[in-house]
Amino acid sequence: MRIRLESVGNAIDMAENAALNMLGRGVEYRPRPWFWSDQFDTKLQIAGLNAGWDAVHVRPGTGPEQQSHWYYRGDKLIAVDAMNDSRAYMIGKRLIEAGKSPDPARASDPTTELKALLA
């Protein structure tokens, strides 16, 4: 599947991968997409790509105007969109990069400590 990612993070990842390959390492490029954007009073942070999801679980944040959307394909976490919730974004990004997929019910339960999802 071809994907065009236009972000600073992706450009840095690709440059690092190209440098490794110029040194003869033969490393395949595996994108780890993440993005952010300030939209008026909302900070949107995205980890992963939500293409192909079959379930979305919404987690309320701890403050007003905070929430995150956790996208799953089957039982695999594929993306997290966080609105004014940097903590949910960071935990989601770490989970996706590590290939971990917490139970969707736990991920969307506001009483579940976000850090506990990393265990």
PDB file of N, CA and C in Angstrom:
ATOM      1  N   MET A   1       0.845  -1.173   0.000  1.00  0.00           N
ATOM      2  CA  MET A   1       0.000   0.000   0.000  1.00  0.00           C
ATOM      3  C   MET A   1       0.894   1.242   0.000  1.00  0.00           C
ATOM      4  N   ARG A   2       0.620   2.157  -0.882  1.00  0.00           N
ATOM      5  CA  ARG A   2       1.369   3.412  -0.930  1.00  0.00           C
ATOM      6  C   ARG A   2       0.654   4.454  -0.093  1.00  0.00           C
ATOM      7  N   ILE A   3       1.449   5.165   0.698  1.00  0.00           N
ATOM      8  CA  ILE A   3       0.904   6.225   1.543  1.00  0.00           C
ATOM      9  C   ILE A   3       1.798   7.444   1.387  1.00  0.00           C
ATOM     10  N   ARG A   4       1.199   8.588   1.222  1.00  0.00           N
ATOM     11  CA  ARG A   4       1.957   9.832   1.158  1.00  0.00           C
ATOM     12  C   ARG A   4       1.750  10.567   2.474  1.00  0.00           C
ATOM     13  N   LEU A   5       2.828  10.695   3.243  1.00  0.00           N
ATOM     14  CA  LEU A   5       2.778  11.377   4.533  1.00  0.00           C
ATOM     15  C   LEU A   5       3.603  12.650   4.437  1.00  0.00           C
ATOM     16  N   GLU A   6       2.966  13.771   4.610  1.00  0.00           N
ATOM     17  CA  GLU A   6       3.678  15.042   4.544  1.00  0.00           C
ATOM     18  C   GLU A   6       3.695  15.668   5.927  1.00  0.00           C
ATOM     19  N   SER A   7       4.744  15.346   6.673  1.00  0.00           N
ATOM     20  CA  SER A   7       4.914  15.928   8.000  1.00  0.00           C
ATOM     21  C   SER A   7       6.397  15.969   8.318  1.00  0.00           C
ATOM     22  N   VAL A   8       6.764  16.832   9.219  1.00  0.00           N
ATOM     23  CA  VAL A   8       8.162  16.955   9.621  1.00  0.00           C
ATOM     24  C   VAL A   8       8.651  15.642  10.214  1.00  0.00           C
ATOM     25  N   GLY A   9       7.849  15.034  11.080  1.00  0.00           N
ATOM     26  CA  GLY A   9       8.234  13.769  11.700  1.00  0.00           C
ATOM     27  C   GLY A   9       8.532  12.697  10.680  1.00  0.00           C
ATOM     28  N   ASN A  10       7.690  12.578   9.660  1.00  0.00           N
ATOM     29  CA  ASN A  10       7.899  11.576   8.616  1.00  0.00           C
ATOM     30  C   ASN A  10       9.151  11.896   7.813  1.00  0.00           C
ATOM     31  N   ALA A  11       9.393  13.157   7.507  1.00  0.00           N
ATOM     32  CA  ALA A  11      10.594  13.539   6.756  1.00  0.00           C
ATOM     33  C   ALA A  11      11.857  13.162   7.527  1.00  0.00           C
ATOM     34  N   ILE A  12      11.854  13.374   8.837  1.00  0.00           N
ATOM     35  CA  ILE A  12      13.009  13.022   9.663  1.00  0.00           C
ATOM     36  C   ILE A  12      13.206  11.504   9.685  1.00  0.00           C
ATOM     37  N   ASP A  13      12.107  10.758   9.884  1.00  0.00           N
ATOM     38  CA  ASP A  13      12.194   9.287   9.891  1.00  0.00           C
ATOM     39  C   ASP A  13      12.759   8.758   8.575  1.00  0.00           C
ATOM     40  N   MET A  14      12.273   9.299   7.451  1.00  0.00           N
ATOM     41  CA  MET A  14      12.734   8.831   6.141  1.00  0.00           C
ATOM     42  C   MET A  14      14.208   9.176   5.928  1.00  0.00           C
ATOM     43  N   ALA A  15      14.624  10.366   6.369  1.00  0.00           N
ATOM     44  CA  ALA A  15      16.024  10.766   6.216  1.00  0.00           C
ATOM     45  C   ALA A  15      16.943   9.852   7.030  1.00  0.00           C
ATOM     46  N   GLU A  16      16.532   9.531   8.260  1.00  0.00           N
ATOM     47  CA  GLU A  16      17.335   8.627   9.092  1.00  0.00           C
ATOM     48  C   GLU A  16      17.433   7.249   8.452  1.00  0.00           C
ATOM     49  N   ASN A  17      16.316   6.770   7.891  1.00  0.00           N
ATOM     50  CA  ASN A  17      16.312   5.469   7.234  1.00  0.00           C
ATOM     51  C   ASN A  17      17.203   5.483   5.991  1.00  0.00           C
ATOM     52  N   ALA A  18      17.135   6.561   5.202  1.00  0.00           N
ATOM     53  CA  ALA A  18      17.977   6.681   4.009  1.00  0.00           C
ATOM     54  C   ALA A  18      19.457   6.687   4.390  1.00  0.00           C
ATOM     55  N   ALA A  19      19.800   7.399   5.470  1.00  0.00           N
ATOM     56  CA  ALA A  19      21.196   7.448   5.919  1.00  0.00           C
ATOM     57  C   ALA A  19      21.687   6.054   6.315  1.00  0.00           C
ATOM     58  N   LEU A  20      20.854   5.303   7.031  1.00  0.00           N
ATOM     59  CA  LEU A  20      21.242   3.936   7.408  1.00  0.00           C
ATOM     60  C   LEU A  20      21.491   3.070   6.176  1.00  0.00           C
ATOM     61  N   ASN A  21      20.639   3.237   5.177  1.00  0.00           N
ATOM     62  CA  ASN A  21      20.791   2.438   3.971  1.00  0.00           C
ATOM     63  C   ASN A  21      22.005   2.868   3.150  1.00  0.00           C
ATOM     64  N   MET A  22      22.355   4.150   3.180  1.00  0.00           N
ATOM     65  CA  MET A  22      23.570   4.598   2.505  1.00  0.00           C
ATOM     66  C   MET A  22      24.815   4.016   3.181  1.00  0.00           C
ATOM     67  N   LEU A  23      24.669   3.691   4.463  1.00  0.00           N
ATOM     68  CA  LEU A  23      25.766   3.068   5.199  1.00  0.00           C
ATOM     69  C   LEU A  23      25.765   1.548   5.042  1.00  0.00           C
ATOM     70  N   GLY A  24      24.851   1.046   4.192  1.00  0.00           N
ATOM     71  CA  GLY A  24      24.830  -0.379   3.894  1.00  0.00           C
ATOM     72  C   GLY A  24      24.022  -1.233   4.849  1.00  0.00           C
ATOM     73  N   ARG A  25      23.174  -0.644   5.652  1.00  0.00           N
ATOM     74  CA  ARG A  25      22.423  -1.417   6.651  1.00  0.00           C
ATOM     75  C   ARG A  25      21.256  -2.204   6.056  1.00  0.00           C
ATOM     76  N   GLY A  26      20.713  -1.788   4.926  1.00  0.00           N
ATOM     77  CA  GLY A  26      19.606  -2.516   4.305  1.00  0.00           C
ATOM     78  C   GLY A  26      18.348  -2.547   5.162  1.00  0.00           C
ATOM     79  N   VAL A  27      17.989  -1.414   5.731  1.00  0.00           N
ATOM     80  CA  VAL A  27      16.834  -1.322   6.632  1.00  0.00           C
ATOM     81  C   VAL A  27      15.591  -0.916   5.842  1.00  0.00           C
ATOM     82  N   GLU A  28      14.532  -1.721   5.963  1.00  0.00           N
ATOM     83  CA  GLU A  28      13.265  -1.389   5.305  1.00  0.00           C
ATOM     84  C   GLU A  28      12.602  -0.232   6.046  1.00  0.00           C
ATOM     85  N   TYR A  29      12.026   0.696   5.297  1.00  0.00           N
ATOM     86  CA  TYR A  29      11.343   1.830   5.927  1.00  0.00           C
ATOM     87  C   TYR A  29       9.967   1.398   6.417  1.00  0.00           C
ATOM     88  N   ARG A  30       9.711   1.620   7.689  1.00  0.00           N
ATOM     89  CA  ARG A  30       8.402   1.327   8.282  1.00  0.00           C
ATOM     90  C   ARG A  30       7.891   2.606   8.928  1.00  0.00           C
ATOM     91  N   PRO A  31       6.915   3.255   8.293  1.00  0.00           N
ATOM     92  CA  PRO A  31       6.440   4.531   8.828  1.00  0.00           C
ATOM     93  C   PRO A  31       5.761   4.391  10.189  1.00  0.00           C
ATOM     94  N   ARG A  32       5.989   5.360  11.041  1.00  0.00           N
ATOM     95  CA  ARG A  32       5.313   5.473  12.335  1.00  0.00           C
ATOM     96  C   ARG A  32       4.638   6.837  12.348  1.00  0.00           C
ATOM     97  N   PRO A  33       3.516   6.945  11.654  1.00  0.00           N
ATOM     98  CA  PRO A  33       2.905   8.256  11.470  1.00  0.00           C
ATOM     99  C   PRO A  33       2.397   8.887  12.761  1.00  0.00           C
ATOM    100  N   TRP A  34       2.654  10.165  12.878  1.00  0.00           N
ATOM    101  CA  TRP A  34       2.087  10.969  13.950  1.00  0.00           C
ATOM    102  C   TRP A  34       1.997  12.399  13.439  1.00  0.00           C
ATOM    103  N   PHE A  35       0.997  13.097  13.914  1.00  0.00           N
ATOM    104  CA  PHE A  35       0.735  14.450  13.451  1.00  0.00           C
ATOM    105  C   PHE A  35       0.177  15.273  14.603  1.00  0.00           C
ATOM    106  N   TRP A  36       0.236  16.579  14.442  1.00  0.00           N
ATOM    107  CA  TRP A  36      -0.455  17.458  15.381  1.00  0.00           C
ATOM    108  C   TRP A  36      -0.854  18.720  14.631  1.00  0.00           C
ATOM    109  N   SER A  37      -1.885  19.362  15.133  1.00  0.00           N
ATOM    110  CA  SER A  37      -2.355  20.612  14.545  1.00  0.00           C
ATOM    111  C   SER A  37      -3.131  21.387  15.598  1.00  0.00           C
ATOM    112  N   ASP A  38      -2.915  22.682  15.628  1.00  0.00           N
ATOM    113  CA  ASP A  38      -3.716  23.549  16.494  1.00  0.00           C
ATOM    114  C   ASP A  38      -4.859  24.103  15.657  1.00  0.00           C
ATOM    115  N   GLN A  39      -6.077  23.785  16.065  1.00  0.00           N
ATOM    116  CA  GLN A  39      -7.277  24.255  15.389  1.00  0.00           C
ATOM    117  C   GLN A  39      -8.047  25.148  16.363  1.00  0.00           C
ATOM    118  N   PHE A  40      -7.783  26.436  16.277  1.00  0.00           N
ATOM    119  CA  PHE A  40      -8.359  27.407  17.205  1.00  0.00           C
ATOM    120  C   PHE A  40      -7.990  27.004  18.632  1.00  0.00           C
ATOM    121  N   ASP A  41      -8.946  26.680  19.476  1.00  0.00           N
ATOM    122  CA  ASP A  41      -8.659  26.328  20.869  1.00  0.00           C
ATOM    123  C   ASP A  41      -8.423  24.827  21.075  1.00  0.00           C
ATOM    124  N   THR A  42      -8.345  24.081  19.992  1.00  0.00           N
ATOM    125  CA  THR A  42      -8.187  22.633  20.091  1.00  0.00           C
ATOM    126  C   THR A  42      -6.824  22.199  19.568  1.00  0.00           C
ATOM    127  N   LYS A  43      -6.109  21.443  20.380  1.00  0.00           N
ATOM    128  CA  LYS A  43      -4.862  20.815  19.923  1.00  0.00           C
ATOM    129  C   LYS A  43      -5.219  19.391  19.534  1.00  0.00           C
ATOM    130  N   LEU A  44      -5.075  19.092  18.249  1.00  0.00           N
ATOM    131  CA  LEU A  44      -5.344  17.758  17.725  1.00  0.00           C
ATOM    132  C   LEU A  44      -4.013  17.047  17.556  1.00  0.00           C
ATOM    133  N   GLN A  45      -3.889  15.867  18.155  1.00  0.00           N
ATOM    134  CA  GLN A  45      -2.685  15.045  18.026  1.00  0.00           C
ATOM    135  C   GLN A  45      -3.119  13.658  17.576  1.00  0.00           C
ATOM    136  N   ILE A  46      -2.428  13.145  16.565  1.00  0.00           N
ATOM    137  CA  ILE A  46      -2.809  11.873  15.954  1.00  0.00           C
ATOM    138  C   ILE A  46      -1.599  10.943  15.922  1.00  0.00           C
ATOM    139  N   ALA A  47      -1.792   9.718  16.372  1.00  0.00           N
ATOM    140  CA  ALA A  47      -0.764   8.682  16.281  1.00  0.00           C
ATOM    141  C   ALA A  47      -1.332   7.534  15.464  1.00  0.00           C
ATOM    142  N   GLY A  48      -0.569   7.034  14.506  1.00  0.00           N
ATOM    143  CA  GLY A  48      -1.041   5.952  13.661  1.00  0.00           C
ATOM    144  C   GLY A  48      -1.913   6.456  12.527  1.00  0.00           C
ATOM    145  N   LEU A  49      -2.431   5.532  11.755  1.00  0.00           N
ATOM    146  CA  LEU A  49      -3.351   5.850  10.664  1.00  0.00           C
ATOM    147  C   LEU A  49      -4.643   5.093  10.894  1.00  0.00           C
ATOM    148  N   ASN A  50      -5.762   5.794  10.836  1.00  0.00           N
ATOM    149  CA  ASN A  50      -7.034   5.145  11.149  1.00  0.00           C
ATOM    150  C   ASN A  50      -7.693   4.486   9.944  1.00  0.00           C
ATOM    151  N   ALA A  51      -6.989   4.345   8.839  1.00  0.00           N
ATOM    152  CA  ALA A  51      -7.559   3.680   7.662  1.00  0.00           C
ATOM    153  C   ALA A  51      -7.814   2.205   7.969  1.00  0.00           C
ATOM    154  N   GLY A  52      -9.022   1.748   7.680  1.00  0.00           N
ATOM    155  CA  GLY A  52      -9.352   0.341   7.855  1.00  0.00           C
ATOM    156  C   GLY A  52      -9.870  -0.030   9.232  1.00  0.00           C
ATOM    157  N   TRP A  53     -10.244   0.945  10.034  1.00  0.00           N
ATOM    158  CA  TRP A  53     -10.763   0.634  11.368  1.00  0.00           C
ATOM    159  C   TRP A  53     -12.151   0.017  11.257  1.00  0.00           C
ATOM    160  N   ASP A  54     -12.503  -0.784  12.246  1.00  0.00           N
ATOM    161  CA  ASP A  54     -13.864  -1.321  12.305  1.00  0.00           C
ATOM    162  C   ASP A  54     -14.551  -0.998  13.627  1.00  0.00           C
ATOM    163  N   ALA A  55     -13.821  -0.351  14.544  1.00  0.00           N
ATOM    164  CA  ALA A  55     -14.425   0.081  15.806  1.00  0.00           C
ATOM    165  C   ALA A  55     -13.660   1.295  16.332  1.00  0.00           C
ATOM    166  N   VAL A  56     -14.417   2.256  16.854  1.00  0.00           N
ATOM    167  CA  VAL A  56     -13.832   3.443  17.472  1.00  0.00           C
ATOM    168  C   VAL A  56     -14.372   3.534  18.887  1.00  0.00           C
ATOM    169  N   HIS A  57     -13.473   3.719  19.835  1.00  0.00           N
ATOM    170  CA  HIS A  57     -13.848   3.820  21.239  1.00  0.00           C
ATOM    171  C   HIS A  57     -13.433   5.201  21.739  1.00  0.00           C
ATOM    172  N   VAL A  58     -14.400   5.944  22.287  1.00  0.00           N
ATOM    173  CA  VAL A  58     -14.143   7.306  22.744  1.00  0.00           C
ATOM    174  C   VAL A  58     -13.854   7.290  24.238  1.00  0.00           C
ATOM    175  N   ARG A  59     -12.771   7.961  24.611  1.00  0.00           N
ATOM    176  CA  ARG A  59     -12.380   8.071  26.018  1.00  0.00           C
ATOM    177  C   ARG A  59     -12.495   9.541  26.420  1.00  0.00           C
ATOM    178  N   PRO A  60     -13.351   9.839  27.407  1.00  0.00           N
ATOM    179  CA  PRO A  60     -13.420  11.217  27.898  1.00  0.00           C
ATOM    180  C   PRO A  60     -12.103  11.574  28.577  1.00  0.00           C
ATOM    181  N   GLY A  61     -11.697  12.836  28.458  1.00  0.00           N
ATOM    182  CA  GLY A  61     -10.492  13.296  29.138  1.00  0.00           C
ATOM    183  C   GLY A  61     -10.789  13.676  30.575  1.00  0.00           C
ATOM    184  N   THR A  62      -9.757  14.130  31.254  1.00  0.00           N
ATOM    185  CA  THR A  62      -9.920  14.502  32.662  1.00  0.00           C
ATOM    186  C   THR A  62     -10.377  15.947  32.831  1.00  0.00           C
ATOM    187  N   GLY A  63     -10.352  16.720  31.763  1.00  0.00           N
ATOM    188  CA  GLY A  63     -10.780  18.115  31.840  1.00  0.00           C
ATOM    189  C   GLY A  63     -11.778  18.439  30.752  1.00  0.00           C
ATOM    190  N   PRO A  64     -12.277  19.662  30.791  1.00  0.00           N
ATOM    191  CA  PRO A  64     -13.239  20.079  29.761  1.00  0.00           C
ATOM    192  C   PRO A  64     -12.576  20.136  28.389  1.00  0.00           C
ATOM    193  N   GLU A  65     -13.339  19.824  27.385  1.00  0.00           N
ATOM    194  CA  GLU A  65     -12.859  19.862  25.996  1.00  0.00           C
ATOM    195  C   GLU A  65     -11.747  18.851  25.723  1.00  0.00           C
ATOM    196  N   GLN A  66     -11.636  17.801  26.536  1.00  0.00           N
ATOM    197  CA  GLN A  66     -10.640  16.754  26.320  1.00  0.00           C
ATOM    198  C   GLN A  66     -11.332  15.438  25.997  1.00  0.00           C
ATOM    199  N   GLN A  67     -10.804  14.761  24.995  1.00  0.00           N
ATOM    200  CA  GLN A  67     -11.246  13.400  24.700  1.00  0.00           C
ATOM    201  C   GLN A  67     -10.274  12.780  23.711  1.00  0.00           C
ATOM    202  N   SER A  68     -10.331  11.467  23.611  1.00  0.00           N
ATOM    203  CA  SER A  68      -9.516  10.763  22.629  1.00  0.00           C
ATOM    204  C   SER A  68     -10.349   9.665  21.980  1.00  0.00           C
ATOM    205  N   HIS A  69     -10.028   9.397  20.730  1.00  0.00           N
ATOM    206  CA  HIS A  69     -10.703   8.355  19.965  1.00  0.00           C
ATOM    207  C   HIS A  69      -9.668   7.276  19.672  1.00  0.00           C
ATOM    208  N   TRP A  70      -9.992   6.033  20.034  1.00  0.00           N
ATOM    209  CA  TRP A  70      -9.088   4.895  19.894  1.00  0.00           C
ATOM    210  C   TRP A  70      -9.635   4.002  18.787  1.00  0.00           C
ATOM    211  N   TYR A  71      -8.899   3.875  17.696  1.00  0.00           N
ATOM    212  CA  TYR A  71      -9.336   3.134  16.508  1.00  0.00           C
ATOM    213  C   TYR A  71      -8.755   1.720  16.522  1.00  0.00           C
ATOM    214  N   TYR A  72      -9.632   0.747  16.312  1.00  0.00           N
ATOM    215  CA  TYR A  72      -9.229  -0.657  16.301  1.00  0.00           C
ATOM    216  C   TYR A  72      -9.632  -1.308  14.984  1.00  0.00           C
ATOM    217  N   ARG A  73      -8.780  -2.222  14.510  1.00  0.00           N
ATOM    218  CA  ARG A  73      -9.117  -3.138  13.430  1.00  0.00           C
ATOM    219  C   ARG A  73      -9.077  -4.510  14.081  1.00  0.00           C
ATOM    220  N   GLY A  74     -10.253  -5.089  14.293  1.00  0.00           N
ATOM    221  CA  GLY A  74     -10.326  -6.321  15.086  1.00  0.00           C
ATOM    222  C   GLY A  74      -9.904  -5.988  16.504  1.00  0.00           C
ATOM    223  N   ASP A  75      -8.924  -6.709  17.032  1.00  0.00           N
ATOM    224  CA  ASP A  75      -8.459  -6.414  18.384  1.00  0.00           C
ATOM    225  C   ASP A  75      -7.153  -5.629  18.395  1.00  0.00           C
ATOM    226  N   LYS A  76      -6.755  -5.097  17.220  1.00  0.00           N
ATOM    227  CA  LYS A  76      -5.493  -4.360  17.099  1.00  0.00           C
ATOM    228  C   LYS A  76      -5.721  -2.849  17.105  1.00  0.00           C
ATOM    229  N   LEU A  77      -5.025  -2.152  18.008  1.00  0.00           N
ATOM    230  CA  LEU A  77      -5.056  -0.691  18.057  1.00  0.00           C
ATOM    231  C   LEU A  77      -4.253  -0.165  16.875  1.00  0.00           C
ATOM    232  N   ILE A  78      -4.884   0.666  16.020  1.00  0.00           N
ATOM    233  CA  ILE A  78      -4.183   1.176  14.839  1.00  0.00           C
ATOM    234  C   ILE A  78      -3.971   2.682  14.869  1.00  0.00           C
ATOM    235  N   ALA A  79      -4.763   3.412  15.679  1.00  0.00           N
ATOM    236  CA  ALA A  79      -4.601   4.870  15.716  1.00  0.00           C
ATOM    237  C   ALA A  79      -5.285   5.446  16.955  1.00  0.00           C
ATOM    238  N   VAL A  80      -4.798   6.621  17.338  1.00  0.00           N
ATOM    239  CA  VAL A  80      -5.415   7.393  18.417  1.00  0.00           C
ATOM    240  C   VAL A  80      -5.471   8.843  17.965  1.00  0.00           C
ATOM    241  N   ASP A  81      -6.650   9.445  18.059  1.00  0.00           N
ATOM    242  CA  ASP A  81      -6.822  10.882  17.841  1.00  0.00           C
ATOM    243  C   ASP A  81      -7.137  11.503  19.190  1.00  0.00           C
ATOM    244  N   ALA A  82      -6.342  12.480  19.607  1.00  0.00           N
ATOM    245  CA  ALA A  82      -6.552  13.111  20.908  1.00  0.00           C
ATOM    246  C   ALA A  82      -6.824  14.598  20.720  1.00  0.00           C
ATOM    247  N   MET A  83      -7.874  15.070  21.357  1.00  0.00           N
ATOM    248  CA  MET A  83      -8.223  16.479  21.334  1.00  0.00           C
ATOM    249  C   MET A  83      -7.962  17.056  22.726  1.00  0.00           C
ATOM    250  N   ASN A  84      -6.980  17.954  22.796  1.00  0.00           N
ATOM    251  CA  ASN A  84      -6.598  18.598  24.068  1.00  0.00           C
ATOM    252  C   ASN A  84      -6.251  17.581  25.148  1.00  0.00           C
ATOM    253  N   ASP A  85      -5.759  16.423  24.748  1.00  0.00           N
ATOM    254  CA  ASP A  85      -5.429  15.357  25.698  1.00  0.00           C
ATOM    255  C   ASP A  85      -4.075  14.746  25.322  1.00  0.00           C
ATOM    256  N   SER A  86      -3.019  15.497  25.598  1.00  0.00           N
ATOM    257  CA  SER A  86      -1.671  15.070  25.223  1.00  0.00           C
ATOM    258  C   SER A  86      -1.264  13.760  25.879  1.00  0.00           C
ATOM    259  N   ARG A  87      -1.754  13.524  27.076  1.00  0.00           N
ATOM    260  CA  ARG A  87      -1.403  12.286  27.777  1.00  0.00           C
ATOM    261  C   ARG A  87      -1.941  11.064  27.025  1.00  0.00           C
ATOM    262  N   ALA A  88      -3.198  11.126  26.585  1.00  0.00           N
ATOM    263  CA  ALA A  88      -3.777  10.016  25.817  1.00  0.00           C
ATOM    264  C   ALA A  88      -3.005   9.827  24.508  1.00  0.00           C
ATOM    265  N   TYR A  89      -2.619  10.927  23.877  1.00  0.00           N
ATOM    266  CA  TYR A  89      -1.840  10.843  22.641  1.00  0.00           C
ATOM    267  C   TYR A  89      -0.507  10.134  22.880  1.00  0.00           C
ATOM    268  N   MET A  90       0.228  10.552  23.899  1.00  0.00           N
ATOM    269  CA  MET A  90       1.547   9.973  24.158  1.00  0.00           C
ATOM    270  C   MET A  90       1.453   8.480  24.489  1.00  0.00           C
ATOM    271  N   ILE A  91       0.476   8.110  25.319  1.00  0.00           N
ATOM    272  CA  ILE A  91       0.308   6.692  25.663  1.00  0.00           C
ATOM    273  C   ILE A  91      -0.091   5.907  24.415  1.00  0.00           C
ATOM    274  N   GLY A  92      -1.046   6.429  23.643  1.00  0.00           N
ATOM    275  CA  GLY A  92      -1.476   5.756  22.416  1.00  0.00           C
ATOM    276  C   GLY A  92      -0.330   5.584  21.431  1.00  0.00           C
ATOM    277  N   LYS A  93       0.481   6.606  21.262  1.00  0.00           N
ATOM    278  CA  LYS A  93       1.629   6.549  20.351  1.00  0.00           C
ATOM    279  C   LYS A  93       2.616   5.469  20.794  1.00  0.00           C
ATOM    280  N   ARG A  94       2.915   5.427  22.078  1.00  0.00           N
ATOM    281  CA  ARG A  94       3.829   4.409  22.599  1.00  0.00           C
ATOM    282  C   ARG A  94       3.275   3.000  22.385  1.00  0.00           C
ATOM    283  N   LEU A  95       1.965   2.839  22.621  1.00  0.00           N
ATOM    284  CA  LEU A  95       1.340   1.529  22.419  1.00  0.00           C
ATOM    285  C   LEU A  95       1.440   1.091  20.959  1.00  0.00           C
ATOM    286  N   ILE A  96       1.096   1.987  20.052  1.00  0.00           N
ATOM    287  CA  ILE A  96       1.108   1.654  18.621  1.00  0.00           C
ATOM    288  C   ILE A  96       2.520   1.313  18.171  1.00  0.00           C
ATOM    289  N   GLU A  97       3.503   2.121  18.573  1.00  0.00           N
ATOM    290  CA  GLU A  97       4.886   1.870  18.164  1.00  0.00           C
ATOM    291  C   GLU A  97       5.423   0.560  18.742  1.00  0.00           C
ATOM    292  N   ALA A  98       4.922   0.156  19.907  1.00  0.00           N
ATOM    293  CA  ALA A  98       5.366  -1.097  20.528  1.00  0.00           C
ATOM    294  C   ALA A  98       4.558  -2.297  20.035  1.00  0.00           C
ATOM    295  N   GLY A  99       3.529  -2.049  19.226  1.00  0.00           N
ATOM    296  CA  GLY A  99       2.695  -3.145  18.738  1.00  0.00           C
ATOM    297  C   GLY A  99       1.767  -3.711  19.799  1.00  0.00           C
ATOM    298  N   LYS A 100       1.462  -2.903  20.821  1.00  0.00           N
ATOM    299  CA  LYS A 100       0.576  -3.353  21.898  1.00  0.00           C
ATOM    300  C   LYS A 100      -0.838  -2.829  21.664  1.00  0.00           C
ATOM    301  N   SER A 101      -1.809  -3.641  22.034  1.00  0.00           N
ATOM    302  CA  SER A 101      -3.212  -3.274  21.858  1.00  0.00           C
ATOM    303  C   SER A 101      -3.988  -3.564  23.132  1.00  0.00           C
ATOM    304  N   PRO A 102      -4.246  -2.540  23.934  1.00  0.00           N
ATOM    305  CA  PRO A 102      -5.021  -2.777  25.147  1.00  0.00           C
ATOM    306  C   PRO A 102      -6.465  -3.118  24.806  1.00  0.00           C
ATOM    307  N   ASP A 103      -7.116  -3.790  25.730  1.00  0.00           N
ATOM    308  CA  ASP A 103      -8.537  -4.096  25.567  1.00  0.00           C
ATOM    309  C   ASP A 103      -9.284  -2.780  25.334  1.00  0.00           C
ATOM    310  N   PRO A 104     -10.126  -2.707  24.295  1.00  0.00           N
ATOM    311  CA  PRO A 104     -10.831  -1.463  23.997  1.00  0.00           C
ATOM    312  C   PRO A 104     -11.679  -0.937  25.157  1.00  0.00           C
ATOM    313  N   ALA A 105     -12.274  -1.826  25.932  1.00  0.00           N
ATOM    314  CA  ALA A 105     -13.089  -1.388  27.064  1.00  0.00           C
ATOM    315  C   ALA A 105     -12.230  -0.669  28.101  1.00  0.00           C
ATOM    316  N   ARG A 106     -11.018  -1.167  28.332  1.00  0.00           N
ATOM    317  CA  ARG A 106     -10.098  -0.506  29.276  1.00  0.00           C
ATOM    318  C   ARG A 106      -9.612   0.825  28.710  1.00  0.00           C
ATOM    319  N   ALA A 107      -9.298   0.837  27.406  1.00  0.00           N
ATOM    320  CA  ALA A 107      -8.783   2.056  26.781  1.00  0.00           C
ATOM    321  C   ALA A 107      -9.799   3.191  26.823  1.00  0.00           C
ATOM    322  N   SER A 108     -11.064   2.869  26.714  1.00  0.00           N
ATOM    323  CA  SER A 108     -12.090   3.916  26.699  1.00  0.00           C
ATOM    324  C   SER A 108     -12.681   4.209  28.075  1.00  0.00           C
ATOM    325  N   ASP A 109     -12.286   3.472  29.082  1.00  0.00           N
ATOM    326  CA  ASP A 109     -12.803   3.668  30.447  1.00  0.00           C
ATOM    327  C   ASP A 109     -12.014   4.779  31.146  1.00  0.00           C
ATOM    328  N   PRO A 110     -12.659   5.900  31.451  1.00  0.00           N
ATOM    329  CA  PRO A 110     -11.933   7.014  32.073  1.00  0.00           C
ATOM    330  C   PRO A 110     -11.417   6.708  33.475  1.00  0.00           C
ATOM    331  N   THR A 111     -11.878   5.616  34.081  1.00  0.00           N
ATOM    332  CA  THR A 111     -11.357   5.262  35.405  1.00  0.00           C
ATOM    333  C   THR A 111     -10.065   4.438  35.304  1.00  0.00           C
ATOM    334  N   THR A 112      -9.742   3.965  34.108  1.00  0.00           N
ATOM    335  CA  THR A 112      -8.499   3.224  33.895  1.00  0.00           C
ATOM    336  C   THR A 112      -7.367   4.237  33.748  1.00  0.00           C
ATOM    337  N   GLU A 113      -6.339   4.105  34.571  1.00  0.00           N
ATOM    338  CA  GLU A 113      -5.178   4.981  34.465  1.00  0.00           C
ATOM    339  C   GLU A 113      -4.511   4.710  33.112  1.00  0.00           C
ATOM    340  N   LEU A 114      -4.256   5.772  32.357  1.00  0.00           N
ATOM    341  CA  LEU A 114      -3.676   5.603  31.026  1.00  0.00           C
ATOM    342  C   LEU A 114      -2.359   4.831  31.052  1.00  0.00           C
ATOM    343  N   LYS A 115      -1.505   5.129  32.025  1.00  0.00           N
ATOM    344  CA  LYS A 115      -0.210   4.428  32.108  1.00  0.00           C
ATOM    345  C   LYS A 115      -0.372   2.936  32.275  1.00  0.00           C
ATOM    346  N   ALA A 116      -1.465   2.509  32.903  1.00  0.00           N
ATOM    347  CA  ALA A 116      -1.714   1.084  33.115  1.00  0.00           C
ATOM    348  C   ALA A 116      -1.905   0.351  31.788  1.00  0.00           C
ATOM    349  N   LEU A 117      -2.271   1.072  30.731  1.00  0.00           N
ATOM    350  CA  LEU A 117      -2.460   0.441  29.431  1.00  0.00           C
ATOM    351  C   LEU A 117      -1.140  -0.019  28.828  1.00  0.00           C
ATOM    352  N   LEU A 118      -0.030   0.534  29.294  1.00  0.00           N
ATOM    353  CA  LEU A 118       1.286   0.164  28.767  1.00  0.00           C
ATOM    354  C   LEU A 118       1.780  -1.179  29.302  1.00  0.00           C
ATOM    355  N   ALA A 119       1.210  -1.637  30.415  1.00  0.00           N
ATOM    356  CA  ALA A 119       1.673  -2.892  31.044  1.00  0.00           C
ATOM    357  C   ALA A 119       1.277  -4.104  30.237  1.00  0.00           C
TER     358      ALA A 119
END
